[in-house]
Amino acid sequence: AAVEALLASGTSWDRIAAALGLPGAEAAQGATAESVAAADEA
């Protein structure tokens, strides 16, 4: 839900990746895919 909120407010995947200590947008998308799906269901 935090990822979705950040994306909805214009935060880039690259910034999300940096916050998570990941190397880039693709890594952040992969690392958070399960969480994003769970948030969508919630």
Full PDB file with SEQRES, HELIX, SHEET, SSBOND, CRYST1, ORIGX, SCALE, CONECT and MASTER records, all heavy atoms in Angstrom:
SEQRES   1 A   42  ALA ALA VAL GLU ALA LEU LEU ALA SER GLY THR SER TRP          
SEQRES   2 A   42  ASP ARG ILE ALA ALA ALA LEU GLY LEU PRO GLY ALA GLU          
SEQRES   3 A   42  ALA ALA GLN GLY ALA THR ALA GLU SER VAL ALA ALA ALA          
SEQRES   4 A   42  ASP GLU ALA                                                  
HELIX    1 AA1 ALA A    2  ALA A    8  1                                   7    
HELIX    2 AA2 TRP A   13  LEU A   20  1                                   8    
HELIX    3 AA3 ALA A   25  GLU A   41  1                                  17    
CRYST1    1.000    1.000    1.000  90.00  90.00  90.00 P 1           1          
ORIGX1      1.000000  0.000000  0.000000        0.00000                         
ORIGX2      0.000000  1.000000  0.000000        0.00000                         
ORIGX3      0.000000  0.000000  1.000000        0.00000                         
SCALE1      1.000000  0.000000  0.000000        0.00000                         
SCALE2      0.000000  1.000000  0.000000        0.00000                         
SCALE3      0.000000  0.000000  1.000000        0.00000                         
ATOM      1  N   ALA A   1       0.832  -1.206   0.000  1.00  0.00           N  
ATOM      2  CA  ALA A   1       0.000   0.000   0.000  1.00  0.00           C  
ATOM      3  C   ALA A   1       0.866   1.256   0.000  1.00  0.00           C  
ATOM      4  O   ALA A   1       0.536   2.241  -0.668  1.00  0.00           O  
ATOM      5  CB  ALA A   1      -0.949  -0.010   1.198  1.00  0.00           C  
ATOM      6  N   ALA A   2       1.981   1.222   0.718  1.00  0.00           N  
ATOM      7  CA  ALA A   2       2.887   2.370   0.711  1.00  0.00           C  
ATOM      8  C   ALA A   2       3.477   2.583  -0.685  1.00  0.00           C  
ATOM      9  O   ALA A   2       3.554   3.719  -1.169  1.00  0.00           O  
ATOM     10  CB  ALA A   2       4.000   2.179   1.738  1.00  0.00           C  
ATOM     11  N   VAL A   3       3.848   1.497  -1.347  1.00  0.00           N  
ATOM     12  CA  VAL A   3       4.367   1.604  -2.718  1.00  0.00           C  
ATOM     13  C   VAL A   3       3.309   2.210  -3.631  1.00  0.00           C  
ATOM     14  O   VAL A   3       3.584   3.142  -4.398  1.00  0.00           O  
ATOM     15  CB  VAL A   3       4.826   0.223  -3.242  1.00  0.00           C  
ATOM     16  CG1 VAL A   3       5.043   0.243  -4.750  1.00  0.00           C  
ATOM     17  CG2 VAL A   3       6.098  -0.220  -2.527  1.00  0.00           C  
ATOM     18  N   GLU A   4       2.088   1.704  -3.543  1.00  0.00           N  
ATOM     19  CA  GLU A   4       1.008   2.229  -4.386  1.00  0.00           C  
ATOM     20  C   GLU A   4       0.733   3.701  -4.086  1.00  0.00           C  
ATOM     21  O   GLU A   4       0.491   4.498  -4.998  1.00  0.00           O  
ATOM     22  CB  GLU A   4      -0.266   1.408  -4.214  1.00  0.00           C  
ATOM     23  CG  GLU A   4      -0.175   0.018  -4.796  1.00  0.00           C  
ATOM     24  CD  GLU A   4      -0.223  -0.011  -6.317  1.00  0.00           C  
ATOM     25  OE1 GLU A   4      -0.120   1.036  -6.989  1.00  0.00           O  
ATOM     26  OE2 GLU A   4      -0.364  -1.118  -6.851  1.00  0.00           O  
ATOM     27  N   ALA A   5       0.776   4.081  -2.817  1.00  0.00           N  
ATOM     28  CA  ALA A   5       0.552   5.480  -2.447  1.00  0.00           C  
ATOM     29  C   ALA A   5       1.649   6.364  -3.021  1.00  0.00           C  
ATOM     30  O   ALA A   5       1.371   7.451  -3.544  1.00  0.00           O  
ATOM     31  CB  ALA A   5       0.493   5.627  -0.926  1.00  0.00           C  
ATOM     32  N   LEU A   6       2.878   5.914  -2.924  1.00  0.00           N  
ATOM     33  CA  LEU A   6       3.988   6.686  -3.472  1.00  0.00           C  
ATOM     34  C   LEU A   6       3.874   6.824  -4.986  1.00  0.00           C  
ATOM     35  O   LEU A   6       4.066   7.912  -5.531  1.00  0.00           O  
ATOM     36  CB  LEU A   6       5.318   6.033  -3.090  1.00  0.00           C  
ATOM     37  CG  LEU A   6       5.680   6.162  -1.612  1.00  0.00           C  
ATOM     38  CD1 LEU A   6       6.799   5.185  -1.251  1.00  0.00           C  
ATOM     39  CD2 LEU A   6       6.067   7.592  -1.272  1.00  0.00           C  
ATOM     40  N   LEU A   7       3.541   5.732  -5.658  1.00  0.00           N  
ATOM     41  CA  LEU A   7       3.368   5.791  -7.109  1.00  0.00           C  
ATOM     42  C   LEU A   7       2.222   6.720  -7.491  1.00  0.00           C  
ATOM     43  O   LEU A   7       2.339   7.513  -8.429  1.00  0.00           O  
ATOM     44  CB  LEU A   7       3.125   4.387  -7.676  1.00  0.00           C  
ATOM     45  CG  LEU A   7       4.313   3.426  -7.608  1.00  0.00           C  
ATOM     46  CD1 LEU A   7       3.869   2.017  -7.966  1.00  0.00           C  
ATOM     47  CD2 LEU A   7       5.450   3.902  -8.502  1.00  0.00           C  
ATOM     48  N   ALA A   8       1.114   6.638  -6.745  1.00  0.00           N  
ATOM     49  CA  ALA A   8      -0.047   7.483  -7.039  1.00  0.00           C  
ATOM     50  C   ALA A   8       0.252   8.961  -6.828  1.00  0.00           C  
ATOM     51  O   ALA A   8      -0.363   9.824  -7.457  1.00  0.00           O  
ATOM     52  CB  ALA A   8      -1.245   7.068  -6.176  1.00  0.00           C  
ATOM     53  N   SER A   9       1.223   9.250  -5.972  1.00  0.00           N  
ATOM     54  CA  SER A   9       1.575  10.652  -5.726  1.00  0.00           C  
ATOM     55  C   SER A   9       2.761  11.108  -6.574  1.00  0.00           C  
ATOM     56  O   SER A   9       3.291  12.195  -6.366  1.00  0.00           O  
ATOM     57  CB  SER A   9       1.854  10.881  -4.239  1.00  0.00           C  
ATOM     58  OG  SER A   9       2.987  10.149  -3.831  1.00  0.00           O  
ATOM     59  N   GLY A  10       3.172  10.267  -7.526  1.00  0.00           N  
ATOM     60  CA  GLY A  10       4.190  10.685  -8.480  1.00  0.00           C  
ATOM     61  C   GLY A  10       5.619  10.266  -8.189  1.00  0.00           C  
ATOM     62  O   GLY A  10       6.538  10.666  -8.896  1.00  0.00           O  
ATOM     63  N   THR A  11       5.832   9.465  -7.166  1.00  0.00           N  
ATOM     64  CA  THR A  11       7.180   8.993  -6.853  1.00  0.00           C  
ATOM     65  C   THR A  11       7.589   7.941  -7.880  1.00  0.00           C  
ATOM     66  O   THR A  11       6.800   7.072  -8.226  1.00  0.00           O  
ATOM     67  CB  THR A  11       7.223   8.391  -5.433  1.00  0.00           C  
ATOM     68  OG1 THR A  11       6.797   9.389  -4.501  1.00  0.00           O  
ATOM     69  CG2 THR A  11       8.614   7.918  -5.058  1.00  0.00           C  
ATOM     70  N   SER A  12       8.804   8.010  -8.341  1.00  0.00           N  
ATOM     71  CA  SER A  12       9.278   7.062  -9.363  1.00  0.00           C  
ATOM     72  C   SER A  12       9.707   5.743  -8.721  1.00  0.00           C  
ATOM     73  O   SER A  12      10.061   5.686  -7.532  1.00  0.00           O  
ATOM     74  CB  SER A  12      10.465   7.649 -10.120  1.00  0.00           C  
ATOM     75  OG  SER A  12      11.611   7.690  -9.287  1.00  0.00           O  
ATOM     76  N   TRP A  13       9.711   4.714  -9.553  1.00  0.00           N  
ATOM     77  CA  TRP A  13      10.195   3.411  -9.098  1.00  0.00           C  
ATOM     78  C   TRP A  13      11.666   3.503  -8.701  1.00  0.00           C  
ATOM     79  O   TRP A  13      12.115   2.798  -7.789  1.00  0.00           O  
ATOM     80  CB  TRP A  13       9.994   2.345 -10.168  1.00  0.00           C  
ATOM     81  CG  TRP A  13       8.649   1.695 -10.098  1.00  0.00           C  
ATOM     82  CD1 TRP A  13       7.609   1.866 -10.968  1.00  0.00           C  
ATOM     83  CD2 TRP A  13       8.189   0.765  -9.113  1.00  0.00           C  
ATOM     84  NE1 TRP A  13       6.534   1.102 -10.570  1.00  0.00           N  
ATOM     85  CE2 TRP A  13       6.860   0.416  -9.435  1.00  0.00           C  
ATOM     86  CE3 TRP A  13       8.761   0.200  -7.976  1.00  0.00           C  
ATOM     87  CZ2 TRP A  13       6.110  -0.477  -8.678  1.00  0.00           C  
ATOM     88  CZ3 TRP A  13       8.016  -0.686  -7.211  1.00  0.00           C  
ATOM     89  CH2 TRP A  13       6.712  -1.020  -7.557  1.00  0.00           C  
ATOM     90  N   ASP A  14      12.427   4.344  -9.360  1.00  0.00           N  
ATOM     91  CA  ASP A  14      13.840   4.490  -9.006  1.00  0.00           C  
ATOM     92  C   ASP A  14      14.001   5.025  -7.582  1.00  0.00           C  
ATOM     93  O   ASP A  14      14.875   4.575  -6.842  1.00  0.00           O  
ATOM     94  CB  ASP A  14      14.560   5.397 -10.002  1.00  0.00           C  
ATOM     95  CG  ASP A  14      14.797   4.706 -11.342  1.00  0.00           C  
ATOM     96  OD1 ASP A  14      15.046   3.482 -11.349  1.00  0.00           O  
ATOM     97  OD2 ASP A  14      14.738   5.385 -12.378  1.00  0.00           O  
ATOM     98  N   ARG A  15      13.177   5.976  -7.210  1.00  0.00           N  
ATOM     99  CA  ARG A  15      13.239   6.515  -5.832  1.00  0.00           C  
ATOM    100  C   ARG A  15      12.790   5.474  -4.821  1.00  0.00           C  
ATOM    101  O   ARG A  15      13.350   5.373  -3.727  1.00  0.00           O  
ATOM    102  CB  ARG A  15      12.401   7.786  -5.714  1.00  0.00           C  
ATOM    103  CG  ARG A  15      13.071   8.948  -6.452  1.00  0.00           C  
ATOM    104  CD  ARG A  15      12.448  10.275  -6.168  1.00  0.00           C  
ATOM    105  NE  ARG A  15      12.607  10.615  -4.753  1.00  0.00           N  
ATOM    106  CZ  ARG A  15      11.783  11.428  -4.099  1.00  0.00           C  
ATOM    107  NH1 ARG A  15      10.776  11.999  -4.735  1.00  0.00           N  
ATOM    108  NH2 ARG A  15      11.976  11.700  -2.840  1.00  0.00           N  
ATOM    109  N   ILE A  16      11.767   4.689  -5.183  1.00  0.00           N  
ATOM    110  CA  ILE A  16      11.313   3.609  -4.303  1.00  0.00           C  
ATOM    111  C   ILE A  16      12.434   2.590  -4.141  1.00  0.00           C  
ATOM    112  O   ILE A  16      12.718   2.132  -3.027  1.00  0.00           O  
ATOM    113  CB  ILE A  16      10.021   2.971  -4.844  1.00  0.00           C  
ATOM    114  CG1 ILE A  16       8.858   3.971  -4.737  1.00  0.00           C  
ATOM    115  CG2 ILE A  16       9.698   1.673  -4.106  1.00  0.00           C  
ATOM    116  CD1 ILE A  16       7.600   3.568  -5.483  1.00  0.00           C  
ATOM    117  N   ALA A  17      13.087   2.242  -5.249  1.00  0.00           N  
ATOM    118  CA  ALA A  17      14.214   1.303  -5.197  1.00  0.00           C  
ATOM    119  C   ALA A  17      15.302   1.813  -4.260  1.00  0.00           C  
ATOM    120  O   ALA A  17      15.832   1.055  -3.439  1.00  0.00           O  
ATOM    121  CB  ALA A  17      14.769   1.071  -6.599  1.00  0.00           C  
ATOM    122  N   ALA A  18      15.632   3.088  -4.382  1.00  0.00           N  
ATOM    123  CA  ALA A  18      16.668   3.666  -3.523  1.00  0.00           C  
ATOM    124  C   ALA A  18      16.267   3.580  -2.054  1.00  0.00           C  
ATOM    125  O   ALA A  18      17.092   3.247  -1.199  1.00  0.00           O  
ATOM    126  CB  ALA A  18      16.937   5.113  -3.929  1.00  0.00           C  
ATOM    127  N   ALA A  19      15.006   3.855  -1.760  1.00  0.00           N  
ATOM    128  CA  ALA A  19      14.531   3.790  -0.379  1.00  0.00           C  
ATOM    129  C   ALA A  19      14.612   2.370   0.180  1.00  0.00           C  
ATOM    130  O   ALA A  19      14.830   2.176   1.380  1.00  0.00           O  
ATOM    131  CB  ALA A  19      13.097   4.304  -0.293  1.00  0.00           C  
ATOM    132  N   LEU A  20      14.442   1.389  -0.704  1.00  0.00           N  
ATOM    133  CA  LEU A  20      14.489  -0.013  -0.286  1.00  0.00           C  
ATOM    134  C   LEU A  20      15.897  -0.601  -0.360  1.00  0.00           C  
ATOM    135  O   LEU A  20      16.104  -1.772  -0.028  1.00  0.00           O  
ATOM    136  CB  LEU A  20      13.544  -0.853  -1.162  1.00  0.00           C  
ATOM    137  CG  LEU A  20      12.066  -0.521  -1.038  1.00  0.00           C  
ATOM    138  CD1 LEU A  20      11.260  -1.302  -2.075  1.00  0.00           C  
ATOM    139  CD2 LEU A  20      11.562  -0.810   0.372  1.00  0.00           C  
ATOM    140  N   GLY A  21      16.858   0.200  -0.820  1.00  0.00           N  
ATOM    141  CA  GLY A  21      18.226  -0.287  -0.937  1.00  0.00           C  
ATOM    142  C   GLY A  21      18.419  -1.254  -2.092  1.00  0.00           C  
ATOM    143  O   GLY A  21      19.296  -2.118  -2.040  1.00  0.00           O  
ATOM    144  N   LEU A  22      17.611  -1.099  -3.131  1.00  0.00           N  
ATOM    145  CA  LEU A  22      17.676  -1.979  -4.297  1.00  0.00           C  
ATOM    146  C   LEU A  22      18.338  -1.244  -5.463  1.00  0.00           C  
ATOM    147  O   LEU A  22      18.320  -0.023  -5.521  1.00  0.00           O  
ATOM    148  CB  LEU A  22      16.267  -2.447  -4.668  1.00  0.00           C  
ATOM    149  CG  LEU A  22      15.580  -3.284  -3.583  1.00  0.00           C  
ATOM    150  CD1 LEU A  22      14.112  -3.499  -3.911  1.00  0.00           C  
ATOM    151  CD2 LEU A  22      16.295  -4.610  -3.409  1.00  0.00           C  
ATOM    152  N   PRO A  23      18.893  -1.990  -6.423  1.00  0.00           N  
ATOM    153  CA  PRO A  23      19.677  -1.368  -7.485  1.00  0.00           C  
ATOM    154  C   PRO A  23      18.885  -0.588  -8.534  1.00  0.00           C  
ATOM    155  O   PRO A  23      19.476   0.209  -9.263  1.00  0.00           O  
ATOM    156  CB  PRO A  23      20.401  -2.554  -8.140  1.00  0.00           C  
ATOM    157  CG  PRO A  23      19.576  -3.739  -7.815  1.00  0.00           C  
ATOM    158  CD  PRO A  23      18.949  -3.447  -6.482  1.00  0.00           C  
ATOM    159  N   GLY A  24      17.593  -0.782  -8.649  1.00  0.00           N  
ATOM    160  CA  GLY A  24      16.853  -0.036  -9.663  1.00  0.00           C  
ATOM    161  C   GLY A  24      15.373  -0.359  -9.654  1.00  0.00           C  
ATOM    162  O   GLY A  24      14.884  -1.157  -8.842  1.00  0.00           O  
ATOM    163  N   ALA A  25      14.684   0.275 -10.588  1.00  0.00           N  
ATOM    164  CA  ALA A  25      13.229   0.170 -10.667  1.00  0.00           C  
ATOM    165  C   ALA A  25      12.765  -1.273 -10.852  1.00  0.00           C  
ATOM    166  O   ALA A  25      11.819  -1.720 -10.187  1.00  0.00           O  
ATOM    167  CB  ALA A  25      12.705   1.043 -11.810  1.00  0.00           C  
ATOM    168  N   GLU A  26      13.420  -1.993 -11.744  1.00  0.00           N  
ATOM    169  CA  GLU A  26      13.004  -3.378 -12.013  1.00  0.00           C  
ATOM    170  C   GLU A  26      13.140  -4.248 -10.764  1.00  0.00           C  
ATOM    171  O   GLU A  26      12.271  -5.060 -10.453  1.00  0.00           O  
ATOM    172  CB  GLU A  26      13.829  -3.950 -13.158  1.00  0.00           C  
ATOM    173  CG  GLU A  26      13.310  -5.279 -13.667  1.00  0.00           C  
ATOM    174  CD  GLU A  26      14.054  -5.736 -14.909  1.00  0.00           C  
ATOM    175  OE1 GLU A  26      14.143  -4.949 -15.871  1.00  0.00           O  
ATOM    176  OE2 GLU A  26      14.546  -6.875 -14.885  1.00  0.00           O  
ATOM    177  N   ALA A  27      14.214  -4.059 -10.031  1.00  0.00           N  
ATOM    178  CA  ALA A  27      14.420  -4.823  -8.799  1.00  0.00           C  
ATOM    179  C   ALA A  27      13.348  -4.473  -7.769  1.00  0.00           C  
ATOM    180  O   ALA A  27      12.829  -5.351  -7.068  1.00  0.00           O  
ATOM    181  CB  ALA A  27      15.801  -4.552  -8.228  1.00  0.00           C  
ATOM    182  N   ALA A  28      13.000  -3.196  -7.674  1.00  0.00           N  
ATOM    183  CA  ALA A  28      11.964  -2.770  -6.727  1.00  0.00           C  
ATOM    184  C   ALA A  28      10.606  -3.344  -7.106  1.00  0.00           C  
ATOM    185  O   ALA A  28       9.847  -3.786  -6.239  1.00  0.00           O  
ATOM    186  CB  ALA A  28      11.893  -1.247  -6.666  1.00  0.00           C  
ATOM    187  N   GLN A  29      10.304  -3.348  -8.389  1.00  0.00           N  
ATOM    188  CA  GLN A  29       9.031  -3.910  -8.841  1.00  0.00           C  
ATOM    189  C   GLN A  29       8.963  -5.393  -8.510  1.00  0.00           C  
ATOM    190  O   GLN A  29       7.931  -5.879  -8.035  1.00  0.00           O  
ATOM    191  CB  GLN A  29       8.846  -3.672 -10.338  1.00  0.00           C  
ATOM    192  CG  GLN A  29       8.591  -2.224 -10.668  1.00  0.00           C  
ATOM    193  CD  GLN A  29       8.649  -1.934 -12.160  1.00  0.00           C  
ATOM    194  OE1 GLN A  29       9.122  -2.742 -12.958  1.00  0.00           O  
ATOM    195  NE2 GLN A  29       8.179  -0.764 -12.544  1.00  0.00           N  
ATOM    196  N   GLY A  30      10.045  -6.105  -8.744  1.00  0.00           N  
ATOM    197  CA  GLY A  30      10.069  -7.534  -8.431  1.00  0.00           C  
ATOM    198  C   GLY A  30       9.982  -7.801  -6.939  1.00  0.00           C  
ATOM    199  O   GLY A  30       9.252  -8.690  -6.495  1.00  0.00           O  
ATOM    200  N   ALA A  31      10.717  -7.015  -6.160  1.00  0.00           N  
ATOM    201  CA  ALA A  31      10.763  -7.224  -4.715  1.00  0.00           C  
ATOM    202  C   ALA A  31       9.443  -6.894  -4.033  1.00  0.00           C  
ATOM    203  O   ALA A  31       9.126  -7.446  -2.978  1.00  0.00           O  
ATOM    204  CB  ALA A  31      11.885  -6.390  -4.100  1.00  0.00           C  
ATOM    205  N   THR A  32       8.668  -6.008  -4.622  1.00  0.00           N  
ATOM    206  CA  THR A  32       7.418  -5.584  -3.982  1.00  0.00           C  
ATOM    207  C   THR A  32       6.172  -6.161  -4.649  1.00  0.00           C  
ATOM    208  O   THR A  32       5.058  -5.848  -4.229  1.00  0.00           O  
ATOM    209  CB  THR A  32       7.312  -4.046  -3.965  1.00  0.00           C  
ATOM    210  OG1 THR A  32       7.312  -3.555  -5.307  1.00  0.00           O  
ATOM    211  CG2 THR A  32       8.443  -3.416  -3.158  1.00  0.00           C  
ATOM    212  N   ALA A  33       6.337  -7.011  -5.655  1.00  0.00           N  
ATOM    213  CA  ALA A  33       5.180  -7.527  -6.404  1.00  0.00           C  
ATOM    214  C   ALA A  33       4.172  -8.233  -5.508  1.00  0.00           C  
ATOM    215  O   ALA A  33       2.957  -7.992  -5.608  1.00  0.00           O  
ATOM    216  CB  ALA A  33       5.648  -8.456  -7.522  1.00  0.00           C  
ATOM    217  N   GLU A  34       4.640  -9.092  -4.613  1.00  0.00           N  
ATOM    218  CA  GLU A  34       3.730  -9.802  -3.714  1.00  0.00           C  
ATOM    219  C   GLU A  34       3.018  -8.821  -2.779  1.00  0.00           C  
ATOM    220  O   GLU A  34       1.816  -8.944  -2.526  1.00  0.00           O  
ATOM    221  CB  GLU A  34       4.500 -10.837  -2.891  1.00  0.00           C  
ATOM    222  CG  GLU A  34       3.631 -11.617  -1.918  1.00  0.00           C  
ATOM    223  CD  GLU A  34       4.430 -12.573  -1.052  1.00  0.00           C  
ATOM    224  OE1 GLU A  34       5.579 -12.905  -1.380  1.00  0.00           O  
ATOM    225  OE2 GLU A  34       3.875 -12.986  -0.017  1.00  0.00           O  
ATOM    226  N   SER A  35       3.751  -7.839  -2.286  1.00  0.00           N  
ATOM    227  CA  SER A  35       3.171  -6.843  -1.386  1.00  0.00           C  
ATOM    228  C   SER A  35       2.127  -5.991  -2.093  1.00  0.00           C  
ATOM    229  O   SER A  35       1.072  -5.697  -1.535  1.00  0.00           O  
ATOM    230  CB  SER A  35       4.269  -5.943  -0.812  1.00  0.00           C  
ATOM    231  OG  SER A  35       5.142  -6.681  -0.001  1.00  0.00           O  
ATOM    232  N   VAL A  36       2.421  -5.598  -3.324  1.00  0.00           N  
ATOM    233  CA  VAL A  36       1.470  -4.788  -4.096  1.00  0.00           C  
ATOM    234  C   VAL A  36       0.198  -5.584  -4.366  1.00  0.00           C  
ATOM    235  O   VAL A  36      -0.911  -5.058  -4.234  1.00  0.00           O  
ATOM    236  CB  VAL A  36       2.131  -4.278  -5.399  1.00  0.00           C  
ATOM    237  CG1 VAL A  36       1.109  -3.697  -6.353  1.00  0.00           C  
ATOM    238  CG2 VAL A  36       3.201  -3.243  -5.063  1.00  0.00           C  
ATOM    239  N   ALA A  37       0.338  -6.862  -4.690  1.00  0.00           N  
ATOM    240  CA  ALA A  37      -0.842  -7.704  -4.915  1.00  0.00           C  
ATOM    241  C   ALA A  37      -1.659  -7.855  -3.633  1.00  0.00           C  
ATOM    242  O   ALA A  37      -2.897  -7.786  -3.661  1.00  0.00           O  
ATOM    243  CB  ALA A  37      -0.422  -9.074  -5.443  1.00  0.00           C  
ATOM    244  N   ALA A  38      -0.992  -8.027  -2.504  1.00  0.00           N  
ATOM    245  CA  ALA A  38      -1.694  -8.146  -1.219  1.00  0.00           C  
ATOM    246  C   ALA A  38      -2.410  -6.843  -0.871  1.00  0.00           C  
ATOM    247  O   ALA A  38      -3.540  -6.850  -0.361  1.00  0.00           O  
ATOM    248  CB  ALA A  38      -0.708  -8.530  -0.114  1.00  0.00           C  
ATOM    249  N   ALA A  39      -1.778  -5.721  -1.162  1.00  0.00           N  
ATOM    250  CA  ALA A  39      -2.398  -4.420  -0.897  1.00  0.00           C  
ATOM    251  C   ALA A  39      -3.599  -4.194  -1.799  1.00  0.00           C  
ATOM    252  O   ALA A  39      -4.621  -3.651  -1.363  1.00  0.00           O  
ATOM    253  CB  ALA A  39      -1.383  -3.297  -1.085  1.00  0.00           C  
ATOM    254  N   ASP A  40      -3.491  -4.615  -3.041  1.00  0.00           N  
ATOM    255  CA  ASP A  40      -4.607  -4.484  -3.968  1.00  0.00           C  
ATOM    256  C   ASP A  40      -5.813  -5.272  -3.464  1.00  0.00           C  
ATOM    257  O   ASP A  40      -6.943  -4.775  -3.479  1.00  0.00           O  
ATOM    258  CB  ASP A  40      -4.186  -4.950  -5.363  1.00  0.00           C  
ATOM    259  CG  ASP A  40      -5.245  -4.664  -6.404  1.00  0.00           C  
ATOM    260  OD1 ASP A  40      -5.690  -3.504  -6.501  1.00  0.00           O  
ATOM    261  OD2 ASP A  40      -5.628  -5.616  -7.120  1.00  0.00           O  
ATOM    262  N   GLU A  41      -5.566  -6.471  -2.970  1.00  0.00           N  
ATOM    263  CA  GLU A  41      -6.654  -7.286  -2.415  1.00  0.00           C  
ATOM    264  C   GLU A  41      -7.246  -6.625  -1.169  1.00  0.00           C  
ATOM    265  O   GLU A  41      -8.464  -6.586  -0.990  1.00  0.00           O  
ATOM    266  CB  GLU A  41      -6.149  -8.690  -2.088  1.00  0.00           C  
ATOM    267  CG  GLU A  41      -7.178  -9.590  -1.449  1.00  0.00           C  
ATOM    268  CD  GLU A  41      -8.420  -9.802  -2.304  1.00  0.00           C  
ATOM    269  OE1 GLU A  41      -8.332  -9.786  -3.544  1.00  0.00           O  
ATOM    270  OE2 GLU A  41      -9.511  -9.978  -1.718  1.00  0.00           O  
ATOM    271  N   ALA A  42      -6.397  -6.079  -0.316  1.00  0.00           N  
ATOM    272  CA  ALA A  42      -6.883  -5.382   0.880  1.00  0.00           C  
ATOM    273  C   ALA A  42      -7.721  -4.166   0.505  1.00  0.00           C  
ATOM    274  O   ALA A  42      -8.745  -3.887   1.133  1.00  0.00           O  
ATOM    275  CB  ALA A  42      -5.701  -4.963   1.769  1.00  0.00           C  
TER     276      ALA A  42                                                      
MASTER        0    0    0    3    0    0    0    6  275    1    0    4          
END                                                                             
